[in-house]
Every structure is written in C-alpha cells, then in structure tokens.
PDB file of N, CA and C in Angstrom:
ATOM      1  N   MET A   1       0.853  -1.236  -0.530  1.00  0.00           N
ATOM      2  CA  MET A   1       0.066  -0.169  -0.109  1.00  0.00           C
ATOM      3  C   MET A   1       0.838   1.406  -0.052  1.00  0.00           C
ATOM      4  N   SER A   2       0.951   2.340  -0.572  1.00  0.00           N
ATOM      5  CA  SER A   2       1.688   3.136  -0.774  1.00  0.00           C
ATOM      6  C   SER A   2       1.414   4.206   0.168  1.00  0.00           C
ATOM      7  N   ARG A   3       2.325   5.171   0.810  1.00  0.00           N
ATOM      8  CA  ARG A   3       2.309   6.380   1.521  1.00  0.00           C
ATOM      9  C   ARG A   3       0.856   7.254   0.412  1.00  0.00           C
ATOM     10  N   PRO A   4       0.172   8.172   1.206  1.00  0.00           N
ATOM     11  CA  PRO A   4      -0.521   8.948   0.767  1.00  0.00           C
ATOM     12  C   PRO A   4       0.165  10.515   0.484  1.00  0.00           C
ATOM     13  N   ARG A   5      -0.083  10.892  -0.865  1.00  0.00           N
ATOM     14  CA  ARG A   5       0.902  12.775  -1.005  1.00  0.00           C
ATOM     15  C   ARG A   5       0.687  13.249   0.330  1.00  0.00           C
ATOM     16  N   VAL A   6       1.899  14.035   0.755  1.00  0.00           N
ATOM     17  CA  VAL A   6       2.026  14.615   1.110  1.00  0.00           C
ATOM     18  C   VAL A   6       1.204  16.163   0.577  1.00  0.00           C
ATOM     19  N   ARG A   7       0.284  16.955   1.506  1.00  0.00           N
ATOM     20  CA  ARG A   7       0.357  18.280   0.708  1.00  0.00           C
ATOM     21  C   ARG A   7       0.911  18.705   1.693  1.00  0.00           C
ATOM     22  N   THR A   8       1.027  20.133   1.472  1.00  0.00           N
ATOM     23  CA  THR A   8       1.291  21.170   1.374  1.00  0.00           C
ATOM     24  C   THR A   8       0.332  22.337   1.937  1.00  0.00           C
ATOM     25  N   VAL A   9       0.627  23.025   3.204  1.00  0.00           N
ATOM     26  CA  VAL A   9      -0.660  23.554   3.937  1.00  0.00           C
ATOM     27  C   VAL A   9      -0.276  24.704   4.099  1.00  0.00           C
ATOM     28  N   LEU A  10      -0.646  26.678   3.871  1.00  0.00           N
ATOM     29  CA  LEU A  10       0.011  27.333   4.140  1.00  0.00           C
ATOM     30  C   LEU A  10      -0.971  28.070   5.250  1.00  0.00           C
ATOM     31  N   PHE A  11      -0.772  28.220   6.769  1.00  0.00           N
ATOM     32  CA  PHE A  11      -1.110  29.087   7.156  1.00  0.00           C
ATOM     33  C   PHE A  11      -0.999  30.827   7.103  1.00  0.00           C
ATOM     34  N   VAL A  12      -1.809  31.737   7.087  1.00  0.00           N
ATOM     35  CA  VAL A  12      -1.418  33.253   6.730  1.00  0.00           C
ATOM     36  C   VAL A  12      -2.281  33.841   7.895  1.00  0.00           C
ATOM     37  N   CYS A  13      -1.720  34.821   8.535  1.00  0.00           N
ATOM     38  CA  CYS A  13      -2.027  35.983   9.350  1.00  0.00           C
ATOM     39  C   CYS A  13      -1.796  37.260   8.687  1.00  0.00           C
ATOM     40  N   SER A  14      -1.811  38.260   9.928  1.00  0.00           N
ATOM     41  CA  SER A  14      -0.900  39.740   9.587  1.00  0.00           C
ATOM     42  C   SER A  14       0.325  40.031   9.992  1.00  0.00           C
ATOM     43  N   GLN A  15       0.897  39.517  10.811  1.00  0.00           N
ATOM     44  CA  GLN A  15       2.316  39.137  11.721  1.00  0.00           C
ATOM     45  C   GLN A  15       2.684  37.775  12.270  1.00  0.00           C
ATOM     46  N   ASN A  16       1.599  36.825  11.609  1.00  0.00           N
ATOM     47  CA  ASN A  16       2.419  35.663  11.771  1.00  0.00           C
ATOM     48  C   ASN A  16       3.132  35.703  13.539  1.00  0.00           C
ATOM     49  N   LYS A  17       2.396  36.092  14.318  1.00  0.00           N
ATOM     50  CA  LYS A  17       2.715  36.314  15.616  1.00  0.00           C
ATOM     51  C   LYS A  17       1.762  35.097  16.804  1.00  0.00           C
ATOM     52  N   LEU A  18       1.103  34.963  16.445  1.00  0.00           N
ATOM     53  CA  LEU A  18      -0.083  34.463  17.135  1.00  0.00           C
ATOM     54  C   LEU A  18      -1.205  33.827  16.634  1.00  0.00           C
ATOM     55  N   ARG A  19      -1.831  33.580  14.974  1.00  0.00           N
ATOM     56  CA  ARG A  19      -2.733  32.849  14.753  1.00  0.00           C
ATOM     57  C   ARG A  19      -2.046  32.223  13.985  1.00  0.00           C
ATOM     58  N   SER A  20      -0.880  32.080  12.805  1.00  0.00           N
ATOM     59  CA  SER A  20      -0.930  31.258  11.718  1.00  0.00           C
ATOM     60  C   SER A  20       0.048  30.643  12.507  1.00  0.00           C
ATOM     61  N   PRO A  21       1.053  31.158  13.324  1.00  0.00           N
ATOM     62  CA  PRO A  21       1.808  29.637  13.981  1.00  0.00           C
ATOM     63  C   PRO A  21       1.153  28.631  14.822  1.00  0.00           C
ATOM     64  N   THR A  22       0.097  29.104  14.883  1.00  0.00           N
ATOM     65  CA  THR A  22      -0.909  28.375  16.325  1.00  0.00           C
ATOM     66  C   THR A  22      -1.213  27.423  15.267  1.00  0.00           C
ATOM     67  N   ALA A  23      -1.868  27.603  14.062  1.00  0.00           N
ATOM     68  CA  ALA A  23      -2.320  26.524  13.116  1.00  0.00           C
ATOM     69  C   ALA A  23      -1.212  25.808  12.937  1.00  0.00           C
ATOM     70  N   GLU A  24      -0.291  26.524  12.312  1.00  0.00           N
ATOM     71  CA  GLU A  24       1.182  25.468  12.230  1.00  0.00           C
ATOM     72  C   GLU A  24       1.235  24.561  13.308  1.00  0.00           C
ATOM     73  N   GLN A  25       1.615  25.401  14.128  1.00  0.00           N
ATOM     74  CA  GLN A  25       2.148  24.094  15.116  1.00  0.00           C
ATOM     75  C   GLN A  25       0.408  22.611  16.061  1.00  0.00           C
ATOM     76  N   VAL A  26      -0.073  23.721  15.555  1.00  0.00           N
ATOM     77  CA  VAL A  26      -1.495  22.752  15.519  1.00  0.00           C
ATOM     78  C   VAL A  26      -1.365  21.115  14.608  1.00  0.00           C
ATOM     79  N   PHE A  27      -1.183  21.411  13.509  1.00  0.00           N
ATOM     80  CA  PHE A  27      -1.689  20.566  12.609  1.00  0.00           C
ATOM     81  C   PHE A  27       0.005  19.935  11.921  1.00  0.00           C
ATOM     82  N   SER A  28       1.095  20.455  12.651  1.00  0.00           N
ATOM     83  CA  SER A  28       2.364  19.734  12.311  1.00  0.00           C
ATOM     84  C   SER A  28       2.546  18.182  13.037  1.00  0.00           C
ATOM     85  N   TRP A  29       1.937  17.497  13.367  1.00  0.00           N
ATOM     86  CA  TRP A  29       1.799  16.382  13.723  1.00  0.00           C
ATOM     87  C   TRP A  29       1.062  15.861  12.373  1.00  0.00           C
ATOM     88  N   ARG A  30       0.773  15.928  12.020  1.00  0.00           N
ATOM     89  CA  ARG A  30       0.319  15.316  10.705  1.00  0.00           C
ATOM     90  C   ARG A  30       1.508  14.537   9.494  1.00  0.00           C
ATOM     91  N   GLU A  31       0.721  13.383   9.515  1.00  0.00           N
ATOM     92  CA  GLU A  31       2.609  13.125   8.621  1.00  0.00           C
ATOM     93  C   GLU A  31       2.101  13.197   7.742  1.00  0.00           C
ATOM     94  N   ASP A  32       0.487  13.671   6.524  1.00  0.00           N
ATOM     95  CA  ASP A  32       0.304  13.743   5.485  1.00  0.00           C
ATOM     96  C   ASP A  32       0.192  15.421   4.993  1.00  0.00           C
ATOM     97  N   LEU A  33       0.987  15.979   5.963  1.00  0.00           N
ATOM     98  CA  LEU A  33       1.130  17.520   5.661  1.00  0.00           C
ATOM     99  C   LEU A  33       2.133  17.961   5.781  1.00  0.00           C
ATOM    100  N   GLU A  34       2.907  18.455   5.198  1.00  0.00           N
ATOM    101  CA  GLU A  34       3.560  19.918   5.273  1.00  0.00           C
ATOM    102  C   GLU A  34       3.186  21.062   5.664  1.00  0.00           C
ATOM    103  N   VAL A  35       3.582  21.790   6.757  1.00  0.00           N
ATOM    104  CA  VAL A  35       3.374  22.795   7.019  1.00  0.00           C
ATOM    105  C   VAL A  35       3.954  24.140   7.631  1.00  0.00           C
ATOM    106  N   ASP A  36       3.772  24.857   7.221  1.00  0.00           N
ATOM    107  CA  ASP A  36       4.318  26.646   7.222  1.00  0.00           C
ATOM    108  C   ASP A  36       3.582  27.271   7.090  1.00  0.00           C
ATOM    109  N   SER A  37       4.009  28.849   7.919  1.00  0.00           N
ATOM    110  CA  SER A  37       2.775  29.752   8.620  1.00  0.00           C
ATOM    111  C   SER A  37       3.431  31.481   8.106  1.00  0.00           C
ATOM    112  N   ALA A  38       2.734  32.427   7.487  1.00  0.00           N
ATOM    113  CA  ALA A  38       3.799  33.346   7.169  1.00  0.00           C
ATOM    114  C   ALA A  38       2.445  34.432   7.402  1.00  0.00           C
ATOM    115  N   GLY A  39       3.302  35.866   7.395  1.00  0.00           N
ATOM    116  CA  GLY A  39       2.259  37.131   7.223  1.00  0.00           C
ATOM    117  C   GLY A  39       2.017  38.160   6.369  1.00  0.00           C
ATOM    118  N   THR A  40       1.119  38.596   6.409  1.00  0.00           N
ATOM    119  CA  THR A  40       1.013  39.404   5.253  1.00  0.00           C
ATOM    120  C   THR A  40       1.307  40.509   5.101  1.00  0.00           C
ATOM    121  N   ASN A  41       2.051  41.432   6.793  1.00  0.00           N
ATOM    122  CA  ASN A  41       1.916  42.728   6.648  1.00  0.00           C
ATOM    123  C   ASN A  41       4.266  42.347   6.798  1.00  0.00           C
ATOM    124  N   HIS A  42       4.600  43.588   5.818  1.00  0.00           N
ATOM    125  CA  HIS A  42       5.918  43.288   5.184  1.00  0.00           C
ATOM    126  C   HIS A  42       6.977  43.041   6.465  1.00  0.00           C
ATOM    127  N   ASP A  43       6.715  43.719   8.121  1.00  0.00           N
ATOM    128  CA  ASP A  43       7.280  43.143   9.320  1.00  0.00           C
ATOM    129  C   ASP A  43       6.970  42.397  10.122  1.00  0.00           C
ATOM    130  N   ALA A  44       6.089  40.995   9.261  1.00  0.00           N
ATOM    131  CA  ALA A  44       5.861  40.170   9.778  1.00  0.00           C
ATOM    132  C   ALA A  44       6.683  39.055  10.089  1.00  0.00           C
ATOM    133  N   GLU A  45       6.765  38.140  11.205  1.00  0.00           N
ATOM    134  CA  GLU A  45       7.868  37.254  11.047  1.00  0.00           C
ATOM    135  C   GLU A  45       8.486  36.361  10.522  1.00  0.00           C
ATOM    136  N   ASN A  46       7.254  36.401   9.742  1.00  0.00           N
ATOM    137  CA  ASN A  46       7.753  35.567   8.471  1.00  0.00           C
ATOM    138  C   ASN A  46       6.829  35.917   7.082  1.00  0.00           C
ATOM    139  N   PRO A  47       7.710  37.373   6.761  1.00  0.00           N
ATOM    140  CA  PRO A  47       6.907  37.607   6.071  1.00  0.00           C
ATOM    141  C   PRO A  47       6.024  36.706   4.463  1.00  0.00           C
ATOM    142  N   LEU A  48       4.970  36.760   3.978  1.00  0.00           N
ATOM    143  CA  LEU A  48       4.368  36.440   3.257  1.00  0.00           C
ATOM    144  C   LEU A  48       5.346  36.715   1.326  1.00  0.00           C
ATOM    145  N   THR A  49       5.789  35.270   1.281  1.00  0.00           N
ATOM    146  CA  THR A  49       6.466  35.197  -0.027  1.00  0.00           C
ATOM    147  C   THR A  49       5.540  34.849  -1.687  1.00  0.00           C
ATOM    148  N   ALA A  50       6.304  35.216  -2.379  1.00  0.00           N
ATOM    149  CA  ALA A  50       5.701  34.847  -3.331  1.00  0.00           C
ATOM    150  C   ALA A  50       6.315  33.079  -3.722  1.00  0.00           C
ATOM    151  N   GLU A  51       7.317  32.657  -3.287  1.00  0.00           N
ATOM    152  CA  GLU A  51       7.960  31.492  -2.918  1.00  0.00           C
ATOM    153  C   GLU A  51       7.134  30.245  -2.667  1.00  0.00           C
ATOM    154  N   LEU A  52       6.646  30.799  -1.256  1.00  0.00           N
ATOM    155  CA  LEU A  52       5.703  30.296  -0.015  1.00  0.00           C
ATOM    156  C   LEU A  52       3.751  30.062  -1.069  1.00  0.00           C
ATOM    157  N   VAL A  53       3.625  31.225  -1.837  1.00  0.00           N
ATOM    158  CA  VAL A  53       2.342  30.810  -2.261  1.00  0.00           C
ATOM    159  C   VAL A  53       2.525  29.899  -3.184  1.00  0.00           C
ATOM    160  N   ARG A  54       3.613  29.556  -4.138  1.00  0.00           N
ATOM    161  CA  ARG A  54       3.784  28.936  -4.626  1.00  0.00           C
ATOM    162  C   ARG A  54       3.591  27.174  -4.071  1.00  0.00           C
ATOM    163  N   TRP A  55       4.693  27.081  -3.155  1.00  0.00           N
ATOM    164  CA  TRP A  55       4.698  26.132  -2.303  1.00  0.00           C
ATOM    165  C   TRP A  55       3.217  24.960  -2.357  1.00  0.00           C
ATOM    166  N   ALA A  56       2.454  25.847  -1.595  1.00  0.00           N
ATOM    167  CA  ALA A  56       1.507  25.561  -1.446  1.00  0.00           C
ATOM    168  C   ALA A  56       0.630  25.061  -2.297  1.00  0.00           C
ATOM    169  N   ASP A  57       0.083  23.519  -1.189  1.00  0.00           N
ATOM    170  CA  ASP A  57      -1.201  23.179  -2.547  1.00  0.00           C
ATOM    171  C   ASP A  57      -2.556  23.774  -2.268  1.00  0.00           C
ATOM    172  N   LEU A  58      -2.502  24.299  -0.297  1.00  0.00           N
ATOM    173  CA  LEU A  58      -3.590  25.010   0.043  1.00  0.00           C
ATOM    174  C   LEU A  58      -2.829  25.848   1.156  1.00  0.00           C
ATOM    175  N   ILE A  59      -3.744  27.032   1.019  1.00  0.00           N
ATOM    176  CA  ILE A  59      -3.785  28.156   1.948  1.00  0.00           C
ATOM    177  C   ILE A  59      -5.049  28.593   2.551  1.00  0.00           C
ATOM    178  N   PHE A  60      -4.878  28.606   3.839  1.00  0.00           N
ATOM    179  CA  PHE A  60      -5.669  28.898   5.097  1.00  0.00           C
ATOM    180  C   PHE A  60      -5.363  30.456   5.176  1.00  0.00           C
ATOM    181  N   VAL A  61      -6.031  31.464   5.189  1.00  0.00           N
ATOM    182  CA  VAL A  61      -6.026  33.032   6.063  1.00  0.00           C
ATOM    183  C   VAL A  61      -7.242  33.144   6.651  1.00  0.00           C
ATOM    184  N   MET A  62      -6.681  33.643   7.925  1.00  0.00           N
ATOM    185  CA  MET A  62      -7.828  34.159   9.245  1.00  0.00           C
ATOM    186  C   MET A  62      -8.875  34.875   8.894  1.00  0.00           C
ATOM    187  N   GLU A  63      -8.571  36.140   7.992  1.00  0.00           N
ATOM    188  CA  GLU A  63      -9.901  36.915   7.512  1.00  0.00           C
ATOM    189  C   GLU A  63      -9.769  37.419   6.059  1.00  0.00           C
ATOM    190  N   LYS A  64     -10.987  37.969   5.924  1.00  0.00           N
ATOM    191  CA  LYS A  64     -11.131  38.362   4.317  1.00  0.00           C
ATOM    192  C   LYS A  64      -9.975  38.916   3.870  1.00  0.00           C
ATOM    193  N   ALA A  65      -9.407  40.300   4.470  1.00  0.00           N
ATOM    194  CA  ALA A  65      -8.826  41.536   4.353  1.00  0.00           C
ATOM    195  C   ALA A  65      -7.459  40.617   4.139  1.00  0.00           C
ATOM    196  N   HIS A  66      -6.519  39.149   4.416  1.00  0.00           N
ATOM    197  CA  HIS A  66      -5.155  38.284   4.003  1.00  0.00           C
ATOM    198  C   HIS A  66      -5.705  37.807   2.514  1.00  0.00           C
ATOM    199  N   ARG A  67      -6.920  37.428   2.487  1.00  0.00           N
ATOM    200  CA  ARG A  67      -7.216  37.180   1.110  1.00  0.00           C
ATOM    201  C   ARG A  67      -7.157  37.728  -0.108  1.00  0.00           C
ATOM    202  N   SER A  68      -7.364  39.035   0.141  1.00  0.00           N
ATOM    203  CA  SER A  68      -7.671  39.663  -0.559  1.00  0.00           C
ATOM    204  C   SER A  68      -6.255  40.272  -0.937  1.00  0.00           C
ATOM    205  N   LYS A  69      -5.640  41.076   0.242  1.00  0.00           N
ATOM    206  CA  LYS A  69      -3.422  41.157   0.450  1.00  0.00           C
ATOM    207  C   LYS A  69      -2.848  39.826  -0.982  1.00  0.00           C
ATOM    208  N   LEU A  70      -3.261  38.749  -0.292  1.00  0.00           N
ATOM    209  CA  LEU A  70      -2.669  37.786  -1.142  1.00  0.00           C
ATOM    210  C   LEU A  70      -2.953  37.865  -2.489  1.00  0.00           C
ATOM    211  N   GLN A  71      -4.424  37.617  -3.092  1.00  0.00           N
ATOM    212  CA  GLN A  71      -4.577  37.649  -4.258  1.00  0.00           C
ATOM    213  C   GLN A  71      -4.309  38.988  -5.176  1.00  0.00           C
ATOM    214  N   ARG A  72      -3.952  39.799  -4.055  1.00  0.00           N
ATOM    215  CA  ARG A  72      -3.731  41.445  -5.087  1.00  0.00           C
ATOM    216  C   ARG A  72      -2.367  41.243  -5.161  1.00  0.00           C
ATOM    217  N   ARG A  73      -1.459  41.224  -4.061  1.00  0.00           N
ATOM    218  CA  ARG A  73      -0.100  40.956  -4.217  1.00  0.00           C
ATOM    219  C   ARG A  73       0.712  39.841  -4.872  1.00  0.00           C
ATOM    220  N   PHE A  74       0.238  38.603  -5.062  1.00  0.00           N
ATOM    221  CA  PHE A  74       0.459  37.607  -5.482  1.00  0.00           C
ATOM    222  C   PHE A  74      -0.233  36.569  -6.346  1.00  0.00           C
ATOM    223  N   ARG A  75      -1.038  37.365  -7.733  1.00  0.00           N
ATOM    224  CA  ARG A  75      -2.068  36.633  -8.509  1.00  0.00           C
ATOM    225  C   ARG A  75      -1.408  36.387  -9.257  1.00  0.00           C
ATOM    226  N   GLU A  76      -0.132  35.986  -9.556  1.00  0.00           N
ATOM    227  CA  GLU A  76       0.553  34.836 -10.346  1.00  0.00           C
ATOM    228  C   GLU A  76       1.133  33.602  -9.836  1.00  0.00           C
ATOM    229  N   ALA A  77       1.275  33.646  -8.745  1.00  0.00           N
ATOM    230  CA  ALA A  77       2.099  33.096  -7.431  1.00  0.00           C
ATOM    231  C   ALA A  77       0.692  31.921  -7.373  1.00  0.00           C
ATOM    232  N   LEU A  78      -0.179  32.742  -7.142  1.00  0.00           N
ATOM    233  CA  LEU A  78      -1.456  31.677  -6.541  1.00  0.00           C
ATOM    234  C   LEU A  78      -1.918  30.682  -7.741  1.00  0.00           C
ATOM    235  N   ALA A  79      -1.842  30.886  -9.327  1.00  0.00           N
ATOM    236  CA  ALA A  79      -2.258  30.011 -10.433  1.00  0.00           C
ATOM    237  C   ALA A  79      -3.458  29.278  -9.708  1.00  0.00           C
ATOM    238  N   GLY A  80      -4.406  29.500  -8.974  1.00  0.00           N
ATOM    239  CA  GLY A  80      -5.658  28.226  -9.027  1.00  0.00           C
ATOM    240  C   GLY A  80      -5.370  27.942  -7.832  1.00  0.00           C
ATOM    241  N   THR A  81      -4.180  27.681  -6.975  1.00  0.00           N
ATOM    242  CA  THR A  81      -4.460  27.776  -5.858  1.00  0.00           C
ATOM    243  C   THR A  81      -5.633  27.903  -4.662  1.00  0.00           C
ATOM    244  N   ARG A  82      -6.423  26.936  -3.858  1.00  0.00           N
ATOM    245  CA  ARG A  82      -7.317  26.934  -3.166  1.00  0.00           C
ATOM    246  C   ARG A  82      -6.862  28.030  -2.275  1.00  0.00           C
ATOM    247  N   VAL A  83      -8.113  29.111  -1.812  1.00  0.00           N
ATOM    248  CA  VAL A  83      -7.317  29.510  -0.645  1.00  0.00           C
ATOM    249  C   VAL A  83      -8.588  29.841   0.306  1.00  0.00           C
ATOM    250  N   ILE A  84      -8.447  29.632   1.720  1.00  0.00           N
ATOM    251  CA  ILE A  84     -10.181  29.253   2.338  1.00  0.00           C
ATOM    252  C   ILE A  84      -9.597  30.661   3.178  1.00  0.00           C
ATOM    253  N   CYS A  85     -11.048  30.919   3.595  1.00  0.00           N
ATOM    254  CA  CYS A  85     -11.066  31.954   4.955  1.00  0.00           C
ATOM    255  C   CYS A  85     -11.560  31.925   5.866  1.00  0.00           C
ATOM    256  N   LEU A  86     -10.475  31.226   7.224  1.00  0.00           N
ATOM    257  CA  LEU A  86     -11.264  30.410   8.157  1.00  0.00           C
ATOM    258  C   LEU A  86     -11.783  31.568   9.109  1.00  0.00           C
ATOM    259  N   ASP A  87     -12.408  33.050   8.386  1.00  0.00           N
ATOM    260  CA  ASP A  87     -13.145  34.470   9.503  1.00  0.00           C
ATOM    261  C   ASP A  87     -12.598  33.891  11.233  1.00  0.00           C
ATOM    262  N   ILE A  88     -11.179  34.035  11.064  1.00  0.00           N
ATOM    263  CA  ILE A  88     -10.647  34.003  12.349  1.00  0.00           C
ATOM    264  C   ILE A  88     -10.063  35.367  13.050  1.00  0.00           C
ATOM    265  N   PRO A  89     -11.168  36.181  14.210  1.00  0.00           N
ATOM    266  CA  PRO A  89     -10.330  37.666  14.604  1.00  0.00           C
ATOM    267  C   PRO A  89      -8.746  37.105  14.701  1.00  0.00           C
ATOM    268  N   ASP A  90      -8.341  38.716  15.148  1.00  0.00           N
ATOM    269  CA  ASP A  90      -7.209  38.852  16.104  1.00  0.00           C
ATOM    270  C   ASP A  90      -7.517  38.978  17.201  1.00  0.00           C
ATOM    271  N   ASP A  91      -8.323  38.008  17.610  1.00  0.00           N
ATOM    272  CA  ASP A  91      -8.722  38.457  19.217  1.00  0.00           C
ATOM    273  C   ASP A  91      -8.416  36.815  20.337  1.00  0.00           C
ATOM    274  N   TYR A  92      -6.816  36.031  19.640  1.00  0.00           N
ATOM    275  CA  TYR A  92      -6.959  35.414  21.100  1.00  0.00           C
ATOM    276  C   TYR A  92      -5.071  35.161  20.556  1.00  0.00           C
ATOM    277  N   ALA A  93      -4.643  34.605  21.847  1.00  0.00           N
ATOM    278  CA  ALA A  93      -3.310  34.646  21.987  1.00  0.00           C
ATOM    279  C   ALA A  93      -2.812  33.394  21.297  1.00  0.00           C
ATOM    280  N   PHE A  94      -1.510  33.147  21.288  1.00  0.00           N
ATOM    281  CA  PHE A  94      -0.598  31.958  20.923  1.00  0.00           C
ATOM    282  C   PHE A  94      -1.030  30.784  21.092  1.00  0.00           C
ATOM    283  N   LEU A  95      -1.397  29.446  20.996  1.00  0.00           N
ATOM    284  CA  LEU A  95      -1.936  28.541  21.463  1.00  0.00           C
ATOM    285  C   LEU A  95      -3.238  28.748  22.967  1.00  0.00           C
ATOM    286  N   GLN A  96      -3.713  30.000  22.638  1.00  0.00           N
ATOM    287  CA  GLN A  96      -4.822  29.944  23.453  1.00  0.00           C
ATOM    288  C   GLN A  96      -5.536  28.948  22.850  1.00  0.00           C
ATOM    289  N   PRO A  97      -6.139  28.030  23.828  1.00  0.00           N
ATOM    290  CA  PRO A  97      -7.159  26.672  23.618  1.00  0.00           C
ATOM    291  C   PRO A  97      -7.964  27.147  22.737  1.00  0.00           C
ATOM    292  N   GLU A  98      -8.535  27.848  23.409  1.00  0.00           N
ATOM    293  CA  GLU A  98      -9.862  28.653  22.407  1.00  0.00           C
ATOM    294  C   GLU A  98      -9.763  28.749  21.012  1.00  0.00           C
ATOM    295  N   LEU A  99      -8.328  29.395  20.138  1.00  0.00           N
ATOM    296  CA  LEU A  99      -8.154  28.824  19.116  1.00  0.00           C
ATOM    297  C   LEU A  99      -8.010  27.838  18.766  1.00  0.00           C
ATOM    298  N   VAL A 100      -7.186  27.115  19.250  1.00  0.00           N
ATOM    299  CA  VAL A 100      -6.804  25.862  18.890  1.00  0.00           C
ATOM    300  C   VAL A 100      -8.070  25.075  18.716  1.00  0.00           C
ATOM    301  N   SER A 101      -9.179  25.000  18.940  1.00  0.00           N
ATOM    302  CA  SER A 101     -10.084  24.484  18.784  1.00  0.00           C
ATOM    303  C   SER A 101     -11.099  24.883  17.331  1.00  0.00           C
ATOM    304  N   LEU A 102     -10.669  26.664  17.747  1.00  0.00           N
ATOM    305  CA  LEU A 102     -12.000  27.080  16.155  1.00  0.00           C
ATOM    306  C   LEU A 102     -11.078  26.343  14.925  1.00  0.00           C
ATOM    307  N   LEU A 103      -9.402  26.253  15.062  1.00  0.00           N
ATOM    308  CA  LEU A 103      -8.848  25.687  14.073  1.00  0.00           C
ATOM    309  C   LEU A 103      -8.992  24.271  14.048  1.00  0.00           C
ATOM    310  N   GLU A 104      -9.070  24.038  14.563  1.00  0.00           N
ATOM    311  CA  GLU A 104      -9.034  21.999  14.382  1.00  0.00           C
ATOM    312  C   GLU A 104     -10.862  21.851  13.802  1.00  0.00           C
ATOM    313  N   ILE A 105     -11.813  22.540  14.234  1.00  0.00           N
ATOM    314  CA  ILE A 105     -12.737  22.426  13.146  1.00  0.00           C
ATOM    315  C   ILE A 105     -12.876  23.394  12.156  1.00  0.00           C
ATOM    316  N   LYS A 106     -12.524  24.576  12.223  1.00  0.00           N
ATOM    317  CA  LYS A 106     -12.648  24.877  10.812  1.00  0.00           C
ATOM    318  C   LYS A 106     -11.443  24.195   9.811  1.00  0.00           C
ATOM    319  N   VAL A 107     -10.656  24.207  10.174  1.00  0.00           N
ATOM    320  CA  VAL A 107      -8.967  23.320   8.744  1.00  0.00           C
ATOM    321  C   VAL A 107      -9.489  22.087   8.747  1.00  0.00           C
ATOM    322  N   SER A 108      -9.746  21.300   9.990  1.00  0.00           N
ATOM    323  CA  SER A 108     -10.257  20.151   9.804  1.00  0.00           C
ATOM    324  C   SER A 108     -11.370  19.187   8.934  1.00  0.00           C
ATOM    325  N   ARG A 109     -12.178  20.557   8.238  1.00  0.00           N
ATOM    326  CA  ARG A 109     -13.286  19.802   7.857  1.00  0.00           C
ATOM    327  C   ARG A 109     -12.693  20.436   5.868  1.00  0.00           C
ATOM    328  N   HIS A 110     -11.537  20.613   5.678  1.00  0.00           N
ATOM    329  CA  HIS A 110     -11.353  21.640   4.399  1.00  0.00           C
ATOM    330  C   HIS A 110      -9.545  19.852   4.057  1.00  0.00           C
ATOM    331  N   LEU A 111      -9.919  19.229   5.389  1.00  0.00           N
ATOM    332  CA  LEU A 111      -8.247  18.189   5.615  1.00  0.00           C
ATOM    333  C   LEU A 111      -9.162  16.985   5.103  1.00  0.00           C
ATOM    334  N   PRO A 112      -7.771  15.564   4.159  1.00  0.00           N
ATOM    335  CA  PRO A 112      -7.962  14.520   4.140  1.00  0.00           C
ATOM    336  C   PRO A 112      -8.334  14.015   5.833  1.00  0.00           C
ATOM    337  N   ALA A 113     -10.037  13.172   5.608  1.00  0.00           N
ATOM    338  CA  ALA A 113      -9.595  11.983   7.248  1.00  0.00           C
ATOM    339  C   ALA A 113      -8.163  11.358   7.203  1.00  0.00           C
ATOM    340  N   THR A 114      -7.627  11.206   8.833  1.00  0.00           N
ATOM    341  CA  THR A 114      -6.454  10.870   8.749  1.00  0.00           C
ATOM    342  C   THR A 114      -7.048   9.748   9.890  1.00  0.00           C
ATOM    343  N   LEU A 115      -6.156   8.537  10.008  1.00  0.00           N
ATOM    344  CA  LEU A 115      -6.423   7.592  10.694  1.00  0.00           C
ATOM    345  C   LEU A 115      -5.463   7.908  11.837  1.00  0.00           C
ATOM    346  N   THR A 116      -4.627   8.454  12.252  1.00  0.00           N
ATOM    347  CA  THR A 116      -4.386   8.471  13.430  1.00  0.00           C
ATOM    348  C   THR A 116      -4.858   9.859  14.245  1.00  0.00           C
ATOM    349  N   ALA A 117      -4.636   9.569  15.680  1.00  0.00           N
ATOM    350  CA  ALA A 117      -5.452  10.852  15.939  1.00  0.00           C
ATOM    351  C   ALA A 117      -3.978  11.677  16.520  1.00  0.00           C
ATOM    352  N   ALA A 118      -4.824  13.198  17.066  1.00  0.00           N
ATOM    353  CA  ALA A 118      -4.177  14.275  17.471  1.00  0.00           C
ATOM    354  C   ALA A 118      -3.624  13.876  18.862  1.00  0.00           C
ATOM    355  N   PRO A 119      -2.107  14.227  19.019  1.00  0.00           N
ATOM    356  CA  PRO A 119      -1.182  13.824  20.525  1.00  0.00           C
ATOM    357  C   PRO A 119      -2.514  14.402  21.311  1.00  0.00           C
ATOM    358  N   LYS A 120      -2.505  14.085  22.688  1.00  0.00           N
ATOM    359  CA  LYS A 120      -3.244  15.251  23.624  1.00  0.00           C
ATOM    360  C   LYS A 120      -2.694  16.308  24.307  1.00  0.00           C
ATOM    361  N   ARG A 121      -3.446  16.734  23.952  1.00  0.00           N
ATOM    362  CA  ARG A 121      -2.429  18.889  24.870  1.00  0.00           C
ATOM    363  C   ARG A 121      -2.433  18.114  26.350  1.00  0.00           C
ATOM    364  N   ARG A 122      -1.081  19.054  26.795  1.00  0.00           N
ATOM    365  CA  ARG A 122      -1.412  19.356  28.353  1.00  0.00           C
ATOM    366  C   ARG A 122      -1.860  20.505  28.405  1.00  0.00           C
ATOM    367  N   ALA A 123      -2.848  20.527  29.523  1.00  0.00           N
ATOM    368  CA  ALA A 123      -3.341  22.205  30.236  1.00  0.00           C
ATOM    369  C   ALA A 123      -2.782  22.920  30.970  1.00  0.00           C
TER     370      ALA A 123
END
C-alpha cells in the first residue's frame, strides 16, 4: 500500500505571531501534511513571499483582508491554488485553547481524514 501524498498547507495572518503560527503548530503532527505559516505584513515574523505561495497546495487565511492582500500581491504565484478564509479574528493569544479548538474545527473539514488521532495536549 502506498503512502498518501503529502500536501503542503500554508497558514496566513497579519504578523505571523499568534494565529498562523498556532495553526502551523496544531497541524504539524500530521504525517500527510507539510505545514508552514506567514504574515501578510512586510514586518511579519515570516513575511509572505511568492515562493511560499507557489509552494502551497492549500492556503488558509484568517480574515478576508488577508485573502484580498494575497490575491492582489501574488496573483501569478497563486495560479489556481485554493485559498480558504477561516474568519478568525485577531482576538486570541498564541496557542490559546479557544483558538486551537476553532482551528481544529474550521481547518479539519477541508483536509483529508487521518487514521491517526492528534496527540493529547497538556492543559
């Protein structure tokens, strides 16, 4: 039986400090995914680049404004890549349990099911 193809998933927010790095960490355990995160602002921790956009099979943005910036600045690099807006406001801390739960619910419905359960998180 062959291994499933690894999908590349990019998570995007404004500064790449809270929401998108949380998403990257939440989904990094999945062996069928290669994940990364970036920010749309030029002074983001990891600024969004055309190279990152081309790398991704699937891009999740936290807000509609992120999708607009992405489409405006990287139209050619997107080349048909699916962009999904999660509608998660900038109201959460890094790895805040409520943010983690929201991400698990909203992102998982767009990803293939996995046979392996997520690791348990410590409180």
